Protein backbone atom coordinates (compact mmCIF):
# COMPACT_ATOMS: atom_id res chain seq x y z
CA MET A 1 79.89 83.21 52.88
CA ILE A 2 79.24 80.05 54.89
CA LYS A 3 77.94 78.22 51.78
CA MET A 4 81.09 78.99 49.72
CA CYS A 5 83.11 76.13 51.23
CA LEU A 6 84.30 73.78 48.41
CA ARG A 7 84.94 70.83 50.78
CA CYS A 8 88.45 70.65 49.34
CA SER A 9 90.11 69.97 52.75
CA VAL A 10 92.97 72.37 51.94
CA CYS A 11 92.37 73.90 55.38
CA LYS A 12 93.84 70.73 56.94
CA TRP A 13 97.21 70.98 55.25
CA ILE A 14 100.07 73.27 54.39
CA PRO A 15 99.60 74.36 50.71
CA GLN A 16 101.08 71.58 48.56
CA VAL A 17 103.68 73.85 46.94
CA GLN A 18 105.06 74.56 50.42
CA ILE A 19 105.13 70.97 51.74
CA LYS A 20 108.70 69.71 52.33
CA SER A 21 107.80 66.40 54.02
CA GLN A 22 104.82 64.55 55.48
CA LYS A 23 106.06 65.41 58.97
CA TYR A 24 105.41 69.07 58.37
CA ALA A 25 102.37 68.74 56.07
CA SER A 26 99.51 69.39 58.51
CA CYS A 27 98.58 72.88 59.70
CA CYS A 28 95.60 72.37 62.04
CA PRO A 29 96.52 71.53 65.67
CA ALA A 30 93.06 70.10 66.39
CA MET A 31 93.30 67.79 63.38
CA ASP A 32 96.72 66.59 64.55
CA ILE A 33 95.24 65.59 67.91
CA TYR A 34 91.77 64.28 67.01
CA ASP A 35 92.32 63.23 63.33
CA TYR A 36 88.67 63.70 62.40
CA HIS A 37 87.26 65.95 59.68
CA ALA A 38 84.77 67.72 61.99
CA TYR A 39 87.71 69.25 63.90
CA SER A 40 89.12 70.97 60.78
CA GLY A 41 88.18 74.40 59.54
CA GLY A 42 85.97 72.94 56.82
CA GLY A 43 84.36 70.52 59.26
CA ARG A 44 83.39 73.28 61.62
CA ILE A 45 81.97 75.32 58.71
CA ILE A 46 79.71 72.34 57.83
CA LEU A 47 78.58 72.14 61.47
CA ALA A 48 77.93 75.90 61.54
CA LEU A 49 75.75 75.64 58.41
CA ALA A 50 73.88 72.60 59.82
CA TYR A 51 73.29 74.46 63.12
CA GLU A 52 72.04 77.54 61.28
CA MET A 53 69.58 75.37 59.30
CA GLY A 54 68.42 73.54 62.44
CA ARG A 55 69.78 70.16 61.37
CA VAL A 56 72.16 69.91 64.31
CA LYS A 57 71.13 70.44 67.93
CA PRO A 58 73.49 71.69 70.68
CA SER A 59 75.24 68.84 72.46
CA GLU A 60 78.38 68.22 74.45
CA ASP A 61 80.05 66.70 71.40
CA LEU A 62 79.21 69.73 69.25
CA LEU A 63 80.54 72.16 71.86
CA ASN A 64 83.75 70.12 72.26
CA ILE A 65 84.41 70.29 68.52
CA VAL A 66 83.66 74.00 68.20
CA TYR A 67 85.59 75.13 71.29
CA ARG A 68 88.67 72.98 70.68
CA CYS A 69 89.74 75.31 67.86
CA THR A 70 92.92 77.16 68.94
CA GLU A 71 92.10 80.11 66.60
CA CYS A 72 95.61 79.93 65.15
CA GLY A 73 94.33 81.08 61.73
CA ASN A 74 96.24 78.49 59.64
CA CYS A 75 93.00 77.33 57.96
CA ALA A 76 92.24 80.92 56.87
CA ILE A 77 95.69 81.20 55.23
CA ALA A 78 95.52 77.79 53.51
CA CYS A 79 92.02 78.48 52.20
CA LYS A 80 93.28 81.43 50.16
CA TYR A 81 95.05 78.99 47.78
CA MET A 82 91.67 77.60 46.62
CA ASN A 83 89.02 80.06 47.80
CA THR A 84 88.36 83.48 49.33
CA LEU A 85 86.61 82.10 52.39
CA GLU A 86 87.43 83.16 55.98
CA PRO A 87 87.10 79.91 58.01
CA LEU A 88 88.35 81.45 61.25
CA GLU A 89 85.79 84.28 61.11
CA ILE A 90 82.97 81.77 60.53
CA ILE A 91 84.15 79.68 63.52
CA MET A 92 84.27 82.79 65.71
CA ARG A 93 80.74 83.78 64.63
CA PHE A 94 79.57 80.24 65.29
CA ARG A 95 80.92 80.48 68.85
CA GLU A 96 79.21 83.83 69.37
CA LYS A 97 75.93 82.33 68.19
CA LEU A 98 76.29 79.39 70.60
CA VAL A 99 77.06 81.71 73.54
CA LYS A 100 74.05 83.92 72.73
CA ASP A 101 71.89 80.79 72.62
CA GLY A 102 73.20 79.83 76.08
CA TYR A 103 75.70 77.13 75.06
CA GLY A 104 79.20 78.09 76.12
CA PRO A 105 81.78 79.12 76.89
CA MET A 106 83.26 75.87 78.17
CA PRO A 107 84.02 75.50 81.91
CA GLN A 108 87.77 75.94 81.28
CA GLN A 109 87.12 79.18 79.39
CA LYS A 110 84.76 80.42 82.09
CA ALA A 111 87.58 79.97 84.60
CA TYR A 112 89.69 82.39 82.53
CA THR A 113 86.97 85.05 82.32
CA GLU A 114 86.20 84.76 86.03
CA ALA A 115 89.93 85.16 86.81
CA MET A 116 90.04 88.28 84.61
CA LYS A 117 87.13 89.80 86.52
CA LYS A 118 88.55 88.82 89.90
CA VAL A 119 92.30 89.48 89.64
CA ASN A 120 92.68 91.09 86.18
CA ASN A 121 94.70 88.22 84.67
CA PRO A 122 93.69 84.86 83.10
CA TYR A 123 96.12 82.85 85.26
CA ASN A 124 94.33 83.51 88.57
CA GLU A 125 97.57 84.88 90.04
CA PRO A 126 97.40 87.52 92.80
CA HIS A 127 97.12 91.03 91.35
CA GLU A 128 100.07 92.13 93.54
CA LYS A 129 102.47 89.90 91.56
CA ARG A 130 102.13 92.02 88.42
CA LEU A 131 105.18 94.07 89.44
CA ASP A 132 107.42 91.10 90.34
CA TRP A 133 109.11 90.99 86.93
CA LEU A 134 110.22 94.61 87.35
CA ILE A 135 112.02 93.69 90.56
CA TYR A 136 113.59 90.56 88.97
CA SER A 137 114.81 92.76 86.13
CA LYS A 138 116.24 95.25 88.67
CA LEU A 139 114.27 98.08 87.13
CA ILE A 140 112.70 98.88 90.53
CA TYR A 141 113.66 97.70 94.00
CA SER A 142 110.32 97.82 95.81
CA LYS A 143 106.63 97.51 94.93
CA LYS A 144 105.92 100.66 96.92
CA VAL A 145 106.68 103.20 94.24
CA GLY A 146 105.63 106.82 93.71
CA LYS A 147 105.07 108.87 90.62
CA GLY A 148 108.75 109.89 90.46
CA VAL A 149 109.95 106.28 90.46
CA LEU A 150 107.42 105.36 87.79
CA ILE A 151 108.53 108.24 85.55
CA ASP A 152 112.19 107.19 85.98
CA LEU A 153 111.19 103.60 85.17
CA GLN A 154 109.38 104.78 82.03
CA LYS A 155 112.58 106.53 80.91
CA LYS A 156 114.66 103.38 81.52
CA VAL A 157 112.22 101.17 79.58
CA GLY A 158 112.08 103.80 76.85
CA ARG A 159 115.87 103.62 76.43
CA MET A 160 115.65 99.82 76.33
CA TYR A 161 113.07 100.00 73.54
CA GLN A 162 115.22 102.41 71.52
CA LYS A 163 117.99 99.78 71.57
CA THR A 164 115.94 96.61 71.10
CA LYS A 165 112.69 97.58 69.35
CA ASP A 166 111.29 94.56 71.16
CA PHE A 167 107.51 94.13 71.28
CA MET A 168 107.51 93.06 74.95
CA VAL A 169 109.56 96.13 75.90
CA ALA A 170 107.05 98.30 74.04
CA LYS A 171 104.29 96.60 76.01
CA ALA A 172 106.18 97.32 79.23
CA LEU A 173 106.44 100.95 78.19
CA THR A 174 102.66 101.09 77.79
CA THR A 175 102.23 99.45 81.18
CA CYS A 176 104.43 102.15 82.77
CA ALA A 177 102.24 104.83 81.25
CA GLN A 178 99.15 103.07 82.63
CA ALA A 179 100.69 102.89 86.10
CA ILE A 180 101.50 106.61 86.03
CA LYS A 181 97.88 107.45 85.09
CA ILE A 182 96.47 105.26 87.84
CA GLU A 183 98.94 106.58 90.39
CA HIS A 184 97.90 110.12 89.44
CA ALA A 185 94.23 109.21 89.89
CA ILE A 186 94.93 107.80 93.35
CA GLY A 187 96.88 110.95 94.23
CA LEU A 188 93.92 113.15 93.19
CA LEU A 189 91.55 111.07 95.31
CA GLU A 190 93.77 111.17 98.39
CA THR A 191 94.88 114.80 98.25
CA GLN A 192 92.36 116.76 96.15
CA GLY A 193 88.92 115.21 96.24
CA ILE A 194 86.09 113.72 94.19
CA THR A 195 85.63 116.67 91.81
CA SER A 196 89.27 116.64 90.69
CA LEU A 197 89.19 112.87 90.20
CA TYR A 198 85.88 113.04 88.30
CA ARG A 199 87.26 115.68 85.93
CA TYR A 200 90.42 113.61 85.38
CA PHE A 201 88.33 110.59 84.40
CA LEU A 202 86.35 112.77 81.99
CA ASP A 203 89.61 113.94 80.41
CA LEU A 204 90.70 110.33 79.95
CA GLU A 205 87.36 109.51 78.28
CA LYS A 206 87.78 112.41 75.86
CA ASN A 207 91.39 111.60 74.93
CA LYS A 208 91.74 107.92 74.01
CA LYS A 209 94.56 108.43 71.56
CA THR A 210 97.15 106.31 73.39
CA ALA A 211 97.08 102.58 74.08
CA ALA A 212 97.84 103.28 77.76
CA THR A 213 94.70 105.40 78.14
CA ARG A 214 92.53 102.83 76.37
CA ASN A 215 93.92 100.02 78.51
CA VAL A 216 93.27 101.97 81.71
CA LEU A 217 89.69 102.71 80.69
CA ASN A 218 89.08 99.07 79.73
CA ASP A 219 90.22 97.80 83.13
CA SER A 220 87.23 96.53 85.11
CA SER A 221 88.53 97.96 88.39
CA VAL A 222 88.99 101.39 86.83
CA ARG A 223 85.50 101.28 85.28
CA GLU A 224 84.07 100.46 88.70
CA ALA A 225 86.06 103.31 90.29
CA MET A 226 84.77 105.70 87.61
CA LYS A 227 81.19 104.63 88.29
CA LYS A 228 81.55 105.16 92.07
CA THR A 229 83.31 108.49 91.52
CA LYS A 230 80.43 109.75 89.36
CA GLU A 231 77.90 108.62 91.99
CA LEU A 232 79.78 110.52 94.73
CA TYR A 233 80.18 113.59 92.48
CA VAL A 234 76.45 113.70 91.78
CA LYS A 235 75.75 113.39 95.52
CA GLY A 236 78.10 116.34 96.17
CA VAL A 237 80.50 114.33 98.35
CA GLU A 238 83.84 116.11 98.70
CA HIS A 239 87.22 115.79 100.39
CA PRO A 240 87.04 116.72 104.11
CA LYS A 241 89.90 119.18 103.49
CA LEU A 242 87.51 121.56 101.78
CA GLY A 243 85.26 121.84 104.82
CA LYS A 244 88.25 122.33 107.10
CA LEU A 245 89.72 124.98 104.79
CA ILE A 246 86.47 126.97 104.76
CA GLU A 247 86.33 126.74 108.57
CA ILE A 248 89.92 128.08 108.87
CA VAL A 249 89.27 130.97 106.46
CA GLU A 250 85.99 131.97 108.13
CA THR A 251 87.59 131.89 111.60
CA GLU A 252 90.50 134.06 110.43
CA ILE A 253 88.20 136.66 108.83
CA LYS A 254 85.99 136.84 111.94
CA LYS A 255 89.07 137.68 113.99
CA LYS A 256 90.29 140.23 111.46
CA PRO A 257 87.94 141.33 108.63
CA ASN A 258 90.73 142.84 106.49
CA THR A 259 93.04 139.83 106.83
CA LYS A 260 95.10 138.54 103.89
CA ILE A 261 95.16 134.81 103.23
CA ILE A 262 96.99 132.86 100.54
CA VAL A 263 95.83 129.31 99.79
CA PHE A 264 98.24 127.16 97.76
CA ALA A 265 96.99 124.19 95.71
CA ASN A 266 98.86 122.07 93.17
CA TYR A 267 96.15 121.81 90.55
CA ARG A 268 94.12 124.41 88.69
CA SER A 269 90.95 122.37 89.14
CA SER A 270 91.42 122.54 92.93
CA VAL A 271 92.13 126.27 92.75
CA GLU A 272 88.91 126.84 90.84
CA GLN A 273 86.86 124.69 93.22
CA ILE A 274 88.32 126.28 96.38
CA THR A 275 87.70 129.80 95.03
CA LYS A 276 84.05 129.00 94.22
CA LEU A 277 83.40 127.50 97.66
CA ILE A 278 84.95 130.49 99.45
CA LYS A 279 82.85 132.89 97.37
CA VAL A 280 79.70 130.89 98.23
CA LYS A 281 80.40 131.74 101.89
CA GLY A 282 80.31 135.43 101.00
CA ILE A 283 84.09 135.89 101.19
CA GLU A 284 85.95 137.68 98.39
CA ALA A 285 88.50 135.41 96.72
CA LYS A 286 90.37 135.32 93.43
CA GLU A 287 92.32 132.69 91.47
CA PHE A 288 96.00 133.22 90.73
CA ILE A 289 97.25 130.85 88.03
CA GLY A 290 99.97 130.79 85.37
CA GLN A 291 100.00 132.38 81.93
CA ALA A 292 99.83 129.09 80.03
CA VAL A 293 96.35 128.58 78.57
CA LYS A 294 94.94 125.22 79.67
CA LYS A 295 91.32 124.30 78.95
CA GLY A 296 90.70 127.89 77.89
CA LYS A 297 92.02 129.41 81.12
CA GLY A 298 95.20 131.36 81.84
CA LEU A 299 96.18 134.77 83.22
CA LYS A 300 98.17 137.26 81.23
CA GLN A 301 100.97 139.06 83.01
CA LYS A 302 98.90 142.26 83.13
CA GLU A 303 96.01 140.36 84.77
CA GLN A 304 98.36 138.76 87.30
CA ILE A 305 99.77 142.17 88.32
CA GLU A 306 96.26 143.58 88.62
CA ILE A 307 95.14 140.76 90.92
CA LEU A 308 98.25 141.17 93.12
CA ASN A 309 97.67 144.92 93.39
CA GLU A 310 94.05 144.40 94.40
CA PHE A 311 95.17 141.84 96.99
CA GLY A 312 97.81 144.24 98.30
CA TYR A 313 95.20 147.02 98.62
CA GLU A 314 92.95 144.67 100.59
CA LEU A 315 90.17 144.66 97.98
CA PHE A 316 89.65 140.96 98.65
CA ASN A 317 90.71 138.60 101.42
CA VAL A 318 91.80 135.31 99.86
CA LEU A 319 94.23 134.64 97.04
CA VAL A 320 94.02 131.01 95.81
CA ALA A 321 97.22 130.21 93.90
CA THR A 322 99.02 127.40 92.09
CA SER A 323 102.81 127.08 92.15
CA VAL A 324 103.06 130.35 90.18
CA GLY A 325 102.50 132.16 93.47
CA GLU A 326 105.42 130.49 95.27
CA GLU A 327 108.15 132.91 94.23
CA GLY A 328 108.60 136.47 93.05
CA LEU A 329 105.53 137.88 94.74
CA ASP A 330 106.03 141.15 96.58
CA ILE A 331 103.06 141.04 98.93
CA GLN A 332 103.49 142.62 102.36
CA GLU A 333 101.70 141.60 105.54
CA VAL A 334 100.08 138.31 104.58
CA ASP A 335 98.52 136.93 107.78
CA LEU A 336 97.96 133.30 106.85
CA VAL A 337 99.32 130.80 104.33
CA VAL A 338 97.41 127.55 103.85
CA PHE A 339 98.89 124.49 102.11
CA TYR A 340 95.90 122.67 100.64
CA GLU A 341 98.32 119.77 100.26
CA PRO A 342 101.98 119.43 101.36
CA VAL A 343 104.66 119.38 98.66
CA PRO A 344 107.62 116.95 98.75
CA SER A 345 110.09 119.68 97.69
CA GLU A 346 111.84 121.52 100.56
CA ILE A 347 112.49 124.54 98.31
CA ARG A 348 108.82 124.88 97.31
CA SER A 349 107.77 124.43 100.92
CA ILE A 350 110.11 127.21 102.06
CA GLN A 351 108.94 129.50 99.24
CA ARG A 352 105.29 129.01 100.13
CA ARG A 353 105.89 129.63 103.82
CA GLY A 354 107.94 132.69 102.91
CA ARG A 355 104.79 134.48 101.67
CA THR A 356 103.97 135.28 105.33
CA GLY A 357 105.91 136.52 108.36
CA ARG A 358 107.86 139.14 106.45
CA THR A 359 107.12 142.39 108.26
CA ARG A 360 104.98 140.97 111.08
CA PRO A 361 104.16 137.57 112.57
CA GLY A 362 102.19 135.25 110.28
CA ARG A 363 100.76 131.76 110.43
CA VAL A 364 101.17 128.67 108.22
CA VAL A 365 98.63 125.81 108.14
CA PHE A 366 99.16 122.44 106.42
CA LEU A 367 96.06 120.40 105.51
CA ILE A 368 97.21 116.78 105.79
CA THR A 369 94.95 113.77 105.29
CA LYS A 370 95.89 110.99 107.67
CA GLY A 371 97.13 107.75 106.10
CA THR A 372 97.69 109.25 102.63
CA ARG A 373 100.62 110.53 100.59
CA ASP A 374 100.01 113.93 102.22
CA GLU A 375 101.90 112.65 105.25
CA GLY A 376 104.75 111.30 103.13
CA TYR A 377 105.11 114.57 101.20
CA TYR A 378 105.13 116.63 104.42
CA TRP A 379 107.84 114.56 106.08
CA SER A 380 109.86 114.31 102.86
CA ALA A 381 110.09 118.10 102.63
CA PHE A 382 110.73 118.35 106.36
CA HIS A 383 113.73 115.99 106.33
CA LYS A 384 115.13 117.50 103.12
CA GLU A 385 114.98 120.97 104.64
CA LYS A 386 116.61 119.69 107.82
CA LYS A 387 119.44 118.15 105.79
CA MET A 388 119.86 121.35 103.74
CA LYS A 389 120.13 123.47 106.91
CA LYS A 390 122.68 121.03 108.32
CA ILE A 391 124.83 121.35 105.18
CA LEU A 392 124.61 125.16 105.26
CA TYR A 393 125.55 125.17 108.95
CA HIS A 394 128.63 123.02 108.28
CA MET A 395 129.56 125.24 105.36
CA LYS A 396 129.42 128.26 107.64
CA GLU A 397 131.50 126.54 110.32
CA ALA A 398 134.09 125.17 107.89
CA ASN A 399 134.85 128.57 106.41
CA GLN A 400 138.09 127.29 104.90
CA LYS A 401 136.04 126.18 101.96
CA LYS A 402 135.55 129.28 99.92
CA SER A 403 133.12 128.18 97.17
CA LEU A 404 130.54 125.55 96.29
CA LEU A 405 133.11 123.89 94.05
CA ASP A 406 135.19 123.07 97.12
CA TRP A 407 132.31 120.95 98.42
CA THR A 408 132.33 118.77 95.30
CA LYS A 409 135.91 117.62 95.92
C-alpha cells in the first residue's frame, strides 16, 4: 500500500470540485502551519517508505514531522478522489514502528499518557473533579453520593437523552452506569468480602456487552483492583465479619445445642459462602433463597416449605436467608437473628428482627464494619424507624384524624 502514492499532492487540498475560494482550499492543518511538503500526508508517506528501506535514520526533525500530524483524516478523504490509499493509516503505522524502535512518543505526548496513568485524564486534573460538572448542572448536590442517588441521576440523564439525543448526554449516561458498577464493587468489598467482589469482577469479565462495562474494565485503577482482589482470593483472605459470625454461631450452639439461628445476608453469593463455612465447622445449615433462578440456582416453593419445616422441627440449627426470609415466615421460637450487614430500610430491619422474640425472648446481632457504609445503613434505618414511631404516636394521640387520608391534608 505504501508504494501506491501517486505524488499528486491532492492530500494537501480540498478536492478541486469543492473549492469555493483560495481561503478555504487547504485541508491539512500541518501544511497550513509549516508550508512544507514533508508535513503533508504524501510527504509523510514518502518518509515512511524511506525509513522502511533504511534511507532515512531517526532524528529530531523526522520525529517532529511525523508527530505533528493531528490525525484529522482530511488527507484520507481527499486521496479518495485520485486513489484508494489510506494516508492516515500509513502515518499511524509509521508512528507505531517508531515507538517500537524506541523513538517516541514525543515529550508532550508522554505527559498525556503519564497523566492518564496517574489521574485517569489527559489534562492532569485531580481525579476528584470528575463530578464537578454534575454539581454545576444541578444534577447532584454533593460528591458524596450513594447507589440510590446514582440510580436517580441515571434516570434524570436518561430523560435528558430522550429529549435531546445529544452525544455528550449519552456519554454522561454511560458514565452514570460506570459509577453504579464501581459503587456496587466498593459496597461488596466493604460489606461482603473478597469472594463476593472477586465473583462480581468475573461476571463483568464475562459480560462485556455494554460500553459502561468495557470502560470500567479498561480503567487502570479497576484493573489494579481486580489484580489485588484475585491475589487476596487465592490467599484465602476474607472479610473479618465471617470469622466473627462463625464465632457467634458456635458460642450460641455450645450454650444450647438445639438452638435456632437465622442469618440474613443481602446477596446470594454471601448466603452460599456463609452456609459453606458454617458446615465446615460441623454445624448443620441450609440456604434459603428466592424462587427466581439465577446462575442455575433457585428454590421452588415446595423446596422452600420443606426447608422451613425441617428448621421448625430442629433438624438443623442455622437458616441462612436472603430478603425472601424477611416476611411471611411462620417460624416459632427462633433464638438468634444475625444481620450479616445492616439494611437502610426501617421496614426491612423491623421484619428481620421480627423473626425472633415472638413466643419467648430472642436476640438480634448486627455485624457492622467500622468506617464503612454498614454504619450509615444502620443509622439510616434507626432514624427512619424512630421517625415512623413518632408519626404513629402522634396519630394515636390526635385521634380526631380518622384515616390516613386526613394526614395528607
